[in-house]
Amino acid sequence: SQNYGCGKLHMVTWNVATVDPPDDVSLLLHLNSPKSPDLYVIGLQEVYSGPLRFLSDTVFDDPWSHMFMSTLAPRKYVKVSSIRMQGLLLLFFSKMEHVPFIRDIQAQYTRTGIFGYWGNKGGVSIRLSFYGHLLCFLNCHLAAHMKYATERVDEFEYIMDTQIFDGKKAPRIADHRLVFWFGDLNFRIQDHGMHFVRSCINNQTYNLLWSKDQLTMMKKKEQRLQEFEEGPLDFQPTYKFDLNSDTYDSSGKKRKPAWTDRILWRLRPKAPPPDEQDGLDAKKVRQLEEDEEYPLKIRQDLYTSNMEYCVSDHKPVMGVFTLELRKMNRTPLVRLQAEGDWSADIDAMVLYSPLQPFPSSTWDWIGLYKVGFTSVSDYITYTWVKDDEVAFNEEIIQVYVGKEEIPVRGGECVLCYYSNTLQCIIGISEPFKVHESKVAIEEGLLPERINGLDKTIASDDLFK
């Protein structure tokens, strides 16, 4: 039924060792696979952060974000959120059809400084509600070196404890219905000598190394780690390689191979143990009832490394998941449509109507986007909503876009309603065609056609 949804999530973690991106990421993103994902979540570590690139949300100045956005936008994926803290970068992309159902988007960062080097390690996270289910994605780069396994767990717990989100429903990471923890977690393979580790890799008997993987060992004694699940490490360790090769470290240091790069997940525990149930507050009871009424299941379909990429001393790791959930919201908050013919020759009309009550504001706006836009700030132009009336459900409201704002070349477009209070897109129109300007053709103003639309406004003034 429409109430239930099945979504495919493609995750990547990669320590990119400050290099620029490769030319082709089709294998990394499975661009040629028959069923394309609904969501992409990409976590990178050691993205080059030169001077002035310390902490910023604007990722346009970084070649990795640019490359992922320009690869995914033509395939109709929108970058919904991103956060960057020095070398850590986290990107969340969604197919356009899901965007109006992704709300309550917040990003956070935590620096860890156990060794006094503040800022070069830590965690960045994006949390959001997906059809009403609260998800959190935490990309970490934890302390290096064999002997610091306990410190890595301490850093992880510090990040889990200190990241706070707005809103009563899930103020901490562990309050979210589903958490993904991934990144360069830096756990090593203990005790075994180099010769044994290498022969297990050559023979593909990875299972002989699992019991000495530090994360597996720490899980046995740390309650909080036990709540996280991970697929079998049925791929060769992803660290450390000579650059531009598949050869493990042949330098003087001869680092022992390790599964440093991982993807784990945690579904919020269903009910507390029987002896703790007396102390359940009303909020917890409501949460448990909601969990039963709106089930969420997760299945991992793939967990592997990708050996084809050689630009870094780490190999990327991919996790593909299927999420099955009962949708808490099935209709967007606003319905939008482009009325009549659109071209740069006449002012154009937008019709919109609220389908459910939401906190509308006079700062809400409707953006005109080309199909294949990269993110919410990638609009051609925008118009403010009507500010003098409170909209009732299903009431149809008209606003106009001036003809001088409409691209003369035309093209396939969509309209998006951006809610200032909710800080996200809450409605998207069906795609429609903007016609080429007849006036411009007659007056010979149209030079040779260029792919795509010419932007009349490229300002970012809506996000200041």
Protein backbone atom coordinates (compact mmCIF):
# COMPACT_ATOMS: atom_id res chain seq x y z
CA SER A 1 0.00 0.00 0.00
CA GLN A 2 0.98 3.66 -0.28
CA ASN A 3 1.51 3.76 3.47
CA TYR A 4 4.53 1.52 3.20
CA GLY A 5 7.74 2.41 1.47
CA CYS A 6 10.92 0.60 0.54
CA GLY A 7 13.98 2.77 0.06
CA LYS A 8 17.47 1.94 -1.11
CA LEU A 9 20.34 3.71 0.65
CA HIS A 10 23.87 3.77 -0.82
CA MET A 11 26.62 4.76 1.64
CA VAL A 12 30.29 5.47 1.04
CA THR A 13 33.11 6.13 3.48
CA TRP A 14 36.55 7.04 2.18
CA ASN A 15 39.67 8.57 3.64
CA VAL A 16 40.88 10.51 0.59
CA ALA A 17 44.32 11.48 1.95
CA THR A 18 44.02 15.15 0.82
CA VAL A 19 44.03 14.24 -2.90
CA ASP A 20 41.65 15.58 -5.55
CA PRO A 21 38.79 13.35 -6.71
CA PRO A 22 39.24 10.75 -9.48
CA ASP A 23 37.68 11.50 -12.87
CA ASP A 24 35.06 8.79 -12.67
CA VAL A 25 33.03 7.71 -9.64
CA SER A 26 30.52 5.43 -11.41
CA LEU A 27 31.86 2.32 -9.68
CA LEU A 28 31.85 4.06 -6.30
CA LEU A 29 28.20 5.12 -6.66
CA HIS A 30 27.05 2.08 -8.69
CA LEU A 31 25.72 4.47 -11.33
CA ASN A 32 25.15 1.65 -13.79
CA SER A 33 23.24 -0.64 -11.45
CA PRO A 34 19.67 -1.50 -12.56
CA LYS A 35 17.98 -0.14 -9.43
CA SER A 36 19.18 3.31 -8.54
CA PRO A 37 19.30 4.26 -4.84
CA ASP A 38 16.79 6.61 -3.25
CA LEU A 39 19.44 8.17 -1.03
CA TYR A 40 23.21 8.62 -1.18
CA VAL A 41 25.20 9.34 1.98
CA ILE A 42 28.88 10.06 1.41
CA GLY A 43 31.34 10.50 4.28
CA LEU A 44 34.91 11.53 3.53
CA GLN A 45 37.91 12.02 5.79
CA GLU A 46 41.10 13.96 5.12
CA VAL A 47 39.60 16.16 2.44
CA TYR A 48 42.24 18.80 1.77
CA SER A 49 41.58 21.74 4.04
CA GLY A 50 44.07 24.46 3.34
CA PRO A 51 44.00 27.84 5.05
CA LEU A 52 40.52 29.40 5.38
CA ARG A 53 38.88 26.04 4.80
CA PHE A 54 38.57 25.26 8.47
CA LEU A 55 34.91 25.02 9.22
CA SER A 56 32.24 25.74 6.73
CA ASP A 57 28.87 24.65 5.51
CA THR A 58 29.49 26.05 2.07
CA VAL A 59 31.08 23.21 0.23
CA PHE A 60 31.17 24.85 -3.17
CA ASP A 61 34.85 25.57 -2.74
CA ASP A 62 35.71 21.94 -2.39
CA PRO A 63 36.34 19.73 -5.43
CA TRP A 64 34.87 16.56 -3.86
CA SER A 65 31.45 18.11 -3.16
CA HIS A 66 31.48 19.72 -6.55
CA MET A 67 32.27 16.42 -8.25
CA PHE A 68 29.53 14.48 -6.41
CA MET A 69 26.97 17.22 -7.04
CA SER A 70 27.76 17.51 -10.75
CA THR A 71 27.66 13.69 -11.09
CA LEU A 72 24.37 13.19 -9.23
CA ALA A 73 22.36 16.30 -10.22
CA PRO A 74 21.82 15.20 -13.86
CA ARG A 75 20.46 11.94 -12.42
CA LYS A 76 17.88 13.98 -10.46
CA TYR A 77 19.51 13.78 -7.02
CA VAL A 78 19.40 16.88 -4.86
CA LYS A 79 21.97 17.64 -2.19
CA VAL A 80 19.73 18.01 0.85
CA SER A 81 22.42 18.74 3.41
CA SER A 82 26.17 18.82 3.91
CA ILE A 83 28.58 19.64 6.69
CA ARG A 84 32.29 20.07 6.75
CA MET A 85 34.77 20.29 9.61
CA GLN A 86 38.30 20.63 8.36
CA GLY A 87 39.08 17.29 6.67
CA LEU A 88 35.71 15.68 7.50
CA LEU A 89 32.95 16.06 4.93
CA LEU A 90 29.46 14.58 4.95
CA LEU A 91 27.02 14.84 2.03
CA PHE A 92 23.39 13.70 1.90
CA PHE A 93 21.65 13.35 -1.49
CA SER A 94 18.07 12.35 -2.21
CA LYS A 95 16.05 11.57 -5.31
CA MET A 96 13.88 14.59 -6.04
CA GLU A 97 10.60 12.79 -5.30
CA HIS A 98 11.54 12.25 -1.63
CA VAL A 99 12.74 15.80 -0.94
CA PRO A 100 9.37 17.18 0.34
CA PHE A 101 9.31 14.34 2.90
CA ILE A 102 12.76 15.07 4.32
CA ARG A 103 12.37 17.54 7.17
CA ASP A 104 13.92 18.63 10.43
CA ILE A 105 17.37 18.68 8.85
CA GLN A 106 20.22 19.57 11.20
CA ALA A 107 23.97 19.19 10.95
CA GLN A 108 26.45 19.09 13.84
CA TYR A 109 30.16 18.72 14.40
CA THR A 110 32.38 17.70 17.31
CA ARG A 111 36.13 18.06 17.54
CA THR A 112 37.96 15.50 19.62
CA GLY A 113 41.26 16.47 21.15
CA ILE A 114 42.37 13.56 23.22
CA PHE A 115 45.95 14.13 22.10
CA GLY A 116 45.76 17.88 22.18
CA TYR A 117 45.53 18.17 18.39
CA TRP A 118 42.19 19.92 18.27
CA GLY A 119 40.20 19.80 15.09
CA ASN A 120 41.93 17.24 12.94
CA LYS A 121 39.82 14.38 14.32
CA GLY A 122 36.21 14.18 15.41
CA GLY A 123 32.76 13.64 13.98
CA VAL A 124 30.24 15.41 11.74
CA SER A 125 26.61 14.41 11.57
CA ILE A 126 23.42 15.06 9.65
CA ARG A 127 20.07 14.21 11.20
CA LEU A 128 16.71 14.40 9.47
CA SER A 129 13.23 13.03 9.41
CA PHE A 130 12.52 10.73 6.43
CA TYR A 131 8.76 10.21 6.02
CA GLY A 132 8.52 10.92 9.75
CA HIS A 133 11.31 8.54 10.88
CA LEU A 134 14.30 10.24 12.53
CA LEU A 135 17.62 9.14 11.05
CA CYS A 136 21.13 10.23 12.02
CA PHE A 137 24.34 9.79 10.01
CA LEU A 138 27.60 10.18 11.91
CA ASN A 139 30.88 10.34 9.99
CA CYS A 140 33.94 10.03 12.26
CA HIS A 141 37.70 10.18 11.97
CA LEU A 142 39.08 8.71 15.19
CA ALA A 143 42.56 8.60 16.71
CA ALA A 144 45.22 6.67 14.79
CA HIS A 145 47.79 3.99 15.82
CA MET A 146 47.53 0.46 17.14
CA LYS A 147 47.83 1.25 20.84
CA TYR A 148 44.96 3.75 21.03
CA ALA A 149 41.93 1.42 20.68
CA THR A 150 40.47 2.50 24.04
CA GLU A 151 40.93 6.17 23.13
CA ARG A 152 39.02 5.57 19.91
CA VAL A 153 36.07 4.22 21.89
CA ASP A 154 36.34 7.18 24.29
CA GLU A 155 36.28 9.62 21.37
CA PHE A 156 33.23 7.89 19.88
CA GLU A 157 31.37 8.01 23.20
CA TYR A 158 32.34 11.65 23.70
CA ILE A 159 30.86 12.52 20.28
CA MET A 160 27.69 10.50 21.06
CA ASP A 161 27.31 12.29 24.41
CA THR A 162 28.04 15.86 23.38
CA GLN A 163 26.19 16.33 20.09
CA ILE A 164 22.88 18.01 20.81
CA PHE A 165 20.09 18.71 18.30
CA ASP A 166 17.19 21.15 18.58
CA GLY A 167 13.75 19.76 19.28
CA LYS A 168 12.32 17.55 21.99
CA LYS A 169 11.99 14.38 19.98
CA ALA A 170 15.63 13.39 19.49
CA PRO A 171 18.03 15.76 21.23
CA ARG A 172 20.91 13.23 21.16
CA ILE A 173 22.27 10.87 18.54
CA ALA A 174 21.09 7.78 20.46
CA ASP A 175 17.50 9.11 20.51
CA HIS A 176 17.18 8.66 16.74
CA ARG A 177 15.24 5.71 15.36
CA LEU A 178 18.16 4.68 13.17
CA VAL A 179 21.79 5.77 13.47
CA PHE A 180 24.60 5.07 11.01
CA TRP A 181 28.13 5.29 12.40
CA PHE A 182 30.84 5.20 9.78
CA GLY A 183 34.16 6.68 8.74
CA ASP A 184 37.85 6.09 9.29
CA LEU A 185 37.38 4.59 12.74
CA ASN A 186 41.04 3.58 12.70
CA PHE A 187 40.68 0.23 14.51
CA ARG A 188 43.58 -2.13 13.74
CA ILE A 189 44.29 -5.88 13.72
CA GLN A 190 46.02 -6.78 16.96
CA ASP A 191 48.47 -9.55 17.95
CA HIS A 192 48.86 -11.27 14.58
CA GLY A 193 52.17 -10.69 12.81
CA MET A 194 52.48 -9.12 9.39
CA HIS A 195 53.18 -12.46 7.68
CA PHE A 196 50.00 -14.09 9.01
CA VAL A 197 47.83 -11.06 8.16
CA ARG A 198 49.17 -10.91 4.61
CA SER A 199 48.72 -14.63 3.99
CA CYS A 200 45.09 -14.46 5.23
CA ILE A 201 44.49 -11.60 2.80
CA ASN A 202 46.13 -13.47 -0.08
CA ASN A 203 44.07 -16.59 0.69
CA GLN A 204 40.92 -14.54 1.30
CA THR A 205 40.52 -16.21 4.70
CA TYR A 206 39.54 -12.89 6.26
CA ASN A 207 37.52 -14.65 8.97
CA LEU A 208 40.79 -15.79 10.61
CA LEU A 209 41.53 -12.13 11.37
CA TRP A 210 38.14 -11.08 12.69
CA SER A 211 38.66 -12.04 16.34
CA LYS A 212 41.69 -9.73 16.53
CA ASP A 213 40.02 -6.77 14.86
CA GLN A 214 40.02 -4.14 17.63
CA LEU A 215 36.47 -2.95 17.02
CA THR A 216 35.22 -6.54 17.27
CA MET A 217 37.26 -6.97 20.48
CA MET A 218 36.04 -3.68 22.01
CA LYS A 219 32.45 -4.64 21.21
CA LYS A 220 32.70 -7.60 23.57
CA LYS A 221 33.23 -5.35 26.57
CA GLU A 222 31.50 -2.08 25.64
CA GLN A 223 27.72 -2.09 26.04
CA ARG A 224 27.22 0.93 23.76
CA LEU A 225 29.14 -0.65 20.91
CA GLN A 226 27.04 -3.82 21.20
CA GLU A 227 23.96 -1.85 20.13
CA PHE A 228 25.60 -1.28 16.73
CA GLU A 229 25.43 -3.92 14.03
CA GLU A 230 27.91 -4.47 11.24
CA GLY A 231 27.97 -6.81 8.27
CA PRO A 232 30.76 -9.40 7.92
CA LEU A 233 34.19 -8.04 6.93
CA ASP A 234 34.26 -10.16 3.79
CA PHE A 235 36.58 -7.85 1.91
CA GLN A 236 40.26 -7.16 2.15
CA PRO A 237 41.45 -4.58 4.69
CA THR A 238 41.28 -1.07 3.21
CA TYR A 239 44.45 0.40 4.74
CA LYS A 240 47.32 1.06 4.08
CA PHE A 241 48.21 1.05 0.37
CA ASP A 242 51.02 2.52 -1.65
CA LEU A 243 49.55 5.37 -3.67
CA ASN A 244 48.26 4.50 -7.14
CA SER A 245 48.48 0.77 -6.49
CA ASP A 246 46.86 -2.29 -4.91
CA THR A 247 50.04 -3.00 -2.96
CA TYR A 248 49.98 -2.76 0.82
CA ASP A 249 52.44 -0.34 2.42
CA SER A 250 55.95 -1.15 1.19
CA SER A 251 57.57 1.90 2.82
CA GLY A 252 60.00 1.67 5.72
CA LYS A 253 57.08 1.84 8.19
CA LYS A 254 55.42 -1.24 6.63
CA ARG A 255 52.10 -0.64 8.35
CA LYS A 256 50.08 -3.77 9.01
CA PRO A 257 46.87 -3.88 6.92
CA ALA A 258 43.68 -3.06 8.85
CA TRP A 259 39.92 -2.57 8.45
CA THR A 260 40.08 1.09 9.46
CA ASP A 261 37.10 2.13 7.32
CA ARG A 262 33.72 0.88 8.51
CA ILE A 263 29.95 1.32 8.34
CA LEU A 264 27.77 0.29 11.32
CA TRP A 265 24.15 0.93 12.19
CA ARG A 266 21.91 0.92 15.25
CA LEU A 267 18.14 0.62 15.43
CA ARG A 268 16.84 2.20 18.59
CA PRO A 269 16.26 -0.63 21.10
CA LYS A 270 12.59 -1.62 21.20
CA ALA A 271 11.71 -1.94 24.85
CA PRO A 272 13.87 -1.64 27.96
CA PRO A 273 14.61 -4.76 30.02
CA PRO A 274 11.64 -5.85 32.22
CA ASP A 275 13.31 -4.68 35.46
CA GLU A 276 13.51 -1.11 34.12
CA GLN A 277 9.98 -0.83 32.80
CA ASP A 278 8.51 0.64 35.97
CA GLY A 279 10.43 3.87 35.49
CA LEU A 280 9.14 4.54 31.96
CA ASP A 281 7.99 8.13 31.52
CA ALA A 282 5.05 9.10 29.32
CA LYS A 283 7.37 10.27 26.52
CA LYS A 284 9.09 6.88 26.36
CA VAL A 285 5.75 5.05 26.35
CA ARG A 286 4.53 7.22 23.45
CA GLN A 287 7.75 6.53 21.58
CA LEU A 288 7.39 2.77 21.99
CA GLU A 289 3.78 2.94 20.78
CA GLU A 290 4.83 4.97 17.74
CA ASP A 291 7.63 2.50 16.97
CA GLU A 292 5.07 -0.31 16.91
CA GLU A 293 2.56 1.62 14.83
CA TYR A 294 5.16 2.80 12.29
CA PRO A 295 7.65 -0.03 11.87
CA LEU A 296 11.10 0.55 10.39
CA LYS A 297 13.26 -2.36 9.22
CA ILE A 298 16.73 -2.32 7.76
CA ARG A 299 18.58 -4.91 5.70
CA GLN A 300 22.14 -4.69 4.47
CA ASP A 301 22.45 -5.82 0.84
CA LEU A 302 26.15 -5.14 0.30
CA TYR A 303 29.23 -4.33 2.39
CA THR A 304 32.47 -4.20 0.49
CA SER A 305 35.52 -2.21 -0.45
CA ASN A 306 36.31 -0.93 -3.89
CA MET A 307 39.80 -1.85 -4.99
CA GLU A 308 39.64 0.04 -8.30
CA TYR A 309 40.35 3.42 -6.69
CA CYS A 310 44.04 4.04 -6.07
CA VAL A 311 44.37 7.80 -5.51
CA SER A 312 44.49 7.44 -1.70
CA ASP A 313 46.31 5.15 0.75
CA HIS A 314 42.82 3.95 1.82
CA LYS A 315 40.28 2.15 -0.36
CA PRO A 316 36.67 3.35 -0.21
CA VAL A 317 34.06 1.20 1.58
CA MET A 318 30.46 0.96 0.40
CA GLY A 319 27.35 -0.18 2.21
CA VAL A 320 24.03 -0.66 0.43
CA PHE A 321 20.88 -0.95 2.57
CA THR A 322 17.17 -1.45 2.09
CA LEU A 323 14.91 0.48 4.46
CA GLU A 324 11.34 -0.72 4.83
CA LEU A 325 9.10 1.67 6.66
CA ARG A 326 5.55 2.73 7.24
CA LYS A 327 5.32 6.38 6.23
CA MET A 328 4.11 8.78 8.90
CA ASN A 329 3.45 11.41 6.25
CA ARG A 330 2.33 10.55 2.73
CA THR A 331 1.24 13.91 1.32
CA PRO A 332 3.51 16.93 1.01
CA LEU A 333 2.63 19.99 3.11
CA VAL A 334 2.06 22.12 -0.01
CA ARG A 335 0.86 21.36 -3.53
CA LEU A 336 2.39 23.52 -6.28
CA GLN A 337 1.80 23.92 -9.99
CA ALA A 338 2.89 26.09 -12.87
CA GLU A 339 -0.27 27.54 -14.44
CA GLY A 340 -0.54 28.15 -18.19
CA ASP A 341 2.33 28.59 -20.63
CA TRP A 342 5.67 29.75 -19.30
CA SER A 343 8.18 31.79 -21.30
CA ALA A 344 10.18 34.99 -20.90
CA ASP A 345 7.52 36.82 -22.94
CA ILE A 346 4.82 37.04 -20.26
CA ASP A 347 4.59 37.08 -16.48
CA ALA A 348 3.90 33.57 -15.25
CA MET A 349 1.50 32.30 -12.61
CA VAL A 350 2.19 29.84 -9.78
CA LEU A 351 -0.67 28.17 -7.93
CA TYR A 352 -0.11 26.66 -4.51
CA SER A 353 -2.29 25.29 -1.75
CA PRO A 354 -1.44 24.04 1.74
CA LEU A 355 -2.51 20.41 2.13
CA GLN A 356 -1.90 20.30 5.89
CA PRO A 357 -1.36 22.94 8.55
CA PHE A 358 2.29 23.97 8.84
CA PRO A 359 4.06 26.98 10.37
CA SER A 360 3.96 29.24 7.29
CA SER A 361 5.87 32.50 7.34
CA THR A 362 6.07 35.67 5.27
CA TRP A 363 9.67 34.64 4.57
CA ASP A 364 8.61 31.48 2.72
CA TRP A 365 9.43 31.55 -0.99
CA ILE A 366 8.88 29.57 -4.16
CA GLY A 367 11.91 28.91 -6.33
CA LEU A 368 12.08 28.14 -10.04
CA TYR A 369 14.68 25.41 -10.68
CA LYS A 370 15.92 23.60 -13.73
CA VAL A 371 15.28 19.86 -13.61
CA GLY A 372 18.61 18.47 -12.39
CA PHE A 373 19.29 21.24 -9.86
CA THR A 374 22.08 20.51 -7.37
CA SER A 375 20.71 21.90 -4.09
CA VAL A 376 18.16 24.30 -2.63
CA SER A 377 20.37 27.33 -3.36
CA ASP A 378 20.66 26.44 -7.06
CA TYR A 379 17.51 28.32 -8.14
CA ILE A 380 17.06 30.38 -11.31
CA THR A 381 14.79 32.86 -9.58
CA TYR A 382 12.26 33.01 -6.76
CA THR A 383 9.11 34.75 -5.64
CA TRP A 384 7.91 35.41 -2.09
CA VAL A 385 4.66 33.79 -1.00
CA LYS A 386 1.56 35.89 -0.34
CA ASP A 387 2.14 37.42 3.05
CA ASP A 388 -1.21 39.03 3.73
CA GLU A 389 -3.31 35.94 4.13
CA VAL A 390 -3.33 32.90 6.33
CA ALA A 391 -3.78 29.99 3.99
CA PHE A 392 -6.45 27.46 4.80
CA ASN A 393 -6.22 23.85 3.78
CA GLU A 394 -6.80 23.22 0.08
CA GLU A 395 -7.25 26.95 -0.60
CA ILE A 396 -5.57 27.85 -3.87
CA ILE A 397 -3.30 30.89 -3.81
CA GLN A 398 -1.72 32.63 -6.81
CA VAL A 399 1.66 34.32 -7.02
CA TYR A 400 3.50 35.60 -10.07
CA VAL A 401 7.00 35.35 -11.51
CA GLY A 402 7.96 38.38 -13.61
CA LYS A 403 8.83 37.63 -17.24
CA GLU A 404 12.25 39.27 -16.91
CA GLU A 405 13.16 36.60 -14.34
CA ILE A 406 12.34 33.68 -16.64
CA PRO A 407 15.19 32.27 -18.73
CA VAL A 408 14.85 33.24 -22.42
CA ARG A 409 16.13 29.85 -23.56
CA GLY A 410 13.52 27.89 -21.65
CA GLY A 411 13.98 24.27 -20.58
CA GLU A 412 12.51 21.67 -18.22
CA CYS A 413 11.81 23.20 -14.81
CA VAL A 414 10.19 22.55 -11.43
CA LEU A 415 8.87 24.82 -8.70
CA CYS A 416 9.84 24.25 -5.05
CA TYR A 417 8.20 25.76 -1.97
CA TYR A 418 10.79 26.55 0.73
CA SER A 419 9.55 26.88 4.31
CA ASN A 420 11.61 29.38 6.28
CA THR A 421 10.45 28.00 9.64
CA LEU A 422 11.10 24.36 8.75
CA GLN A 423 14.25 25.31 6.76
CA CYS A 424 13.54 22.86 3.96
CA ILE A 425 11.61 22.29 0.74
CA ILE A 426 8.08 21.13 1.56
CA GLY A 427 6.54 20.91 -1.90
CA ILE A 428 7.73 20.32 -5.47
CA SER A 429 5.66 20.72 -8.63
CA GLU A 430 5.54 18.28 -11.50
CA PRO A 431 8.21 19.11 -14.11
CA PHE A 432 6.98 21.53 -16.80
CA LYS A 433 8.40 23.10 -19.93
CA VAL A 434 9.45 26.74 -20.10
CA HIS A 435 9.27 27.72 -23.79
CA GLU A 436 11.96 29.60 -25.61
CA SER A 437 11.21 33.32 -25.82
CA LYS A 438 9.57 34.16 -29.16
CA VAL A 439 10.50 37.82 -28.76
CA ALA A 440 14.15 36.95 -28.23
CA ILE A 441 14.13 34.69 -31.30
CA GLU A 442 12.49 37.37 -33.46
CA GLU A 443 14.91 40.04 -32.30
CA GLY A 444 17.86 37.73 -32.85
CA LEU A 445 18.84 37.92 -29.18
CA LEU A 446 19.33 34.21 -28.82
CA PRO A 447 22.89 33.20 -29.65
CA GLU A 448 23.65 29.57 -30.47
CA ARG A 449 21.92 27.31 -28.00
CA ILE A 450 23.92 26.41 -24.92
CA ASN A 451 23.06 23.35 -22.89
CA GLY A 452 20.80 24.09 -19.98
CA LEU A 453 19.36 27.40 -18.89
CA ASP A 454 20.98 30.76 -18.53
CA LYS A 455 20.55 31.97 -14.98
CA THR A 456 19.07 35.40 -14.52
CA ILE A 457 19.69 35.43 -10.79
CA ALA A 458 22.47 33.53 -9.14
CA SER A 459 22.43 35.32 -5.81
CA ASP A 460 22.51 33.50 -2.51
CA ASP A 461 20.62 36.26 -0.73
CA LEU A 462 17.93 33.86 0.52
CA PHE A 463 20.40 31.98 2.68
CA LYS A 464 22.23 34.88 4.26
